[in-house]
Amino acid sequence: MEKSVSSRDYSLFLDRLKDARKKAGLTQEQLARLLGETQSFVSKCERGERRLDIVEVRTFCIALSVPFPSFATQLDSLLKQEEGKGRARAIEKERGR
């Protein structure tokens, strides 16, 4: 299991988090105010320079008015889709040998 902040799975998570902010119609600065943080903090989180734990993700969801279980379910579905694509690529690569 890849644990790097730059892992593909974490990148997909960050994309989902950023999309949720944009769908909520918030700028990084507005979200930061709701979180009691700085715009720089939000920016670093969205770029993957600062890794978020599950409690912080829940706090982001609350600030974005996104139900945490829904966010997690959507992320899980997205990750499963990517895993399926990865398996398909591996099969194609194996067949090409």
Protein backbone atom coordinates (compact mmCIF):
# COMPACT_ATOMS: atom_id res chain seq x y z
CA MET A 1 0.00 0.00 0.00
CA GLU A 2 1.43 3.33 -1.06
CA LYS A 3 1.51 5.80 1.84
CA SER A 4 2.95 8.83 0.12
CA VAL A 5 0.99 12.07 0.07
CA SER A 6 1.49 11.95 -3.69
CA SER A 7 -0.18 8.54 -4.11
CA ARG A 8 -2.82 8.28 -6.84
CA ASP A 9 -5.51 7.49 -4.27
CA TYR A 10 -4.65 10.53 -2.16
CA SER A 11 -4.58 12.67 -5.29
CA LEU A 12 -8.11 11.51 -6.12
CA PHE A 13 -9.16 12.33 -2.56
CA LEU A 14 -7.72 15.85 -2.90
CA ASP A 15 -9.52 16.34 -6.22
CA ARG A 16 -12.79 15.29 -4.59
CA LEU A 17 -12.21 17.65 -1.65
CA LYS A 18 -11.44 20.58 -3.94
CA ASP A 19 -14.49 19.78 -6.09
CA ALA A 20 -16.67 19.76 -2.97
CA ARG A 21 -15.40 23.23 -2.04
CA LYS A 22 -16.08 24.56 -5.51
CA LYS A 23 -19.56 22.99 -5.61
CA ALA A 24 -20.26 24.70 -2.29
CA GLY A 25 -19.39 27.98 -4.03
CA LEU A 26 -16.60 28.79 -1.61
CA THR A 27 -13.15 30.22 -2.17
CA GLN A 28 -10.21 28.88 -0.20
CA GLU A 29 -10.35 32.03 1.90
CA GLN A 30 -14.05 31.58 2.72
CA LEU A 31 -13.53 27.93 3.62
CA ALA A 32 -10.54 28.87 5.77
CA ARG A 33 -12.71 31.32 7.74
CA LEU A 34 -15.32 28.60 8.33
CA LEU A 35 -12.57 26.26 9.53
CA GLY A 36 -10.90 28.89 11.71
CA GLU A 37 -7.75 28.48 9.64
CA THR A 38 -5.77 30.48 7.11
CA GLN A 39 -6.18 30.43 3.33
CA SER A 40 -2.64 29.07 3.19
CA PHE A 41 -3.72 26.07 5.30
CA VAL A 42 -6.55 25.24 2.89
CA SER A 43 -4.25 25.69 -0.09
CA LYS A 44 -1.63 23.37 1.40
CA CYS A 45 -4.29 20.77 2.13
CA GLU A 46 -5.69 20.92 -1.40
CA ARG A 47 -2.21 20.67 -2.94
CA GLY A 48 -1.25 17.74 -0.74
CA GLU A 49 1.48 19.62 1.11
CA ARG A 50 -0.38 18.95 4.34
CA ARG A 51 -1.94 15.54 4.84
CA LEU A 52 -5.40 15.49 6.44
CA ASP A 53 -6.55 12.94 8.98
CA ILE A 54 -10.09 11.60 9.06
CA VAL A 55 -11.22 13.99 11.81
CA GLU A 56 -10.01 16.96 9.75
CA VAL A 57 -11.78 15.62 6.67
CA ARG A 58 -14.99 15.42 8.67
CA THR A 59 -14.47 19.05 9.75
CA PHE A 60 -13.99 20.09 6.11
CA CYS A 61 -17.21 18.27 5.21
CA ILE A 62 -19.13 20.06 7.95
CA ALA A 63 -17.80 23.43 6.76
CA LEU A 64 -18.79 22.53 3.18
CA SER A 65 -22.26 21.28 4.24
CA VAL A 66 -21.44 17.89 2.72
CA PRO A 67 -22.49 14.86 4.76
CA PHE A 68 -19.29 13.06 5.75
CA PRO A 69 -20.73 9.58 4.98
CA SER A 70 -21.73 10.75 1.50
CA PHE A 71 -18.28 12.18 0.86
CA ALA A 72 -16.65 8.93 2.00
CA THR A 73 -19.02 6.79 -0.10
CA GLN A 74 -18.39 8.86 -3.22
CA LEU A 75 -14.63 8.70 -2.65
CA ASP A 76 -14.82 4.95 -2.15
CA SER A 77 -16.73 4.52 -5.42
CA LEU A 78 -14.17 6.64 -7.25
CA LEU A 79 -11.27 4.65 -5.81
CA LYS A 80 -12.96 1.36 -6.78
CA GLN A 81 -13.35 2.63 -10.35
CA GLU A 82 -9.65 3.48 -10.47
CA GLU A 83 -8.72 0.08 -9.04
CA GLY A 84 -10.75 -1.56 -11.81
CA LYS A 85 -8.95 0.52 -14.43
CA GLY A 86 -5.61 -0.49 -12.92
CA ARG A 87 -6.51 -4.17 -13.07
CA ALA A 88 -7.64 -3.81 -16.68
CA ARG A 89 -4.33 -2.13 -17.59
CA ALA A 90 -2.38 -4.90 -15.85
CA ILE A 91 -4.31 -7.56 -17.79
CA GLU A 92 -3.70 -5.77 -21.09
CA LYS A 93 -0.02 -5.43 -20.25
CA GLU A 94 0.21 -9.14 -19.41
CA ARG A 95 -1.52 -10.11 -22.66
CA GLY A 96 0.91 -7.94 -24.60
CA ARG A 97 3.88 -10.01 -23.45
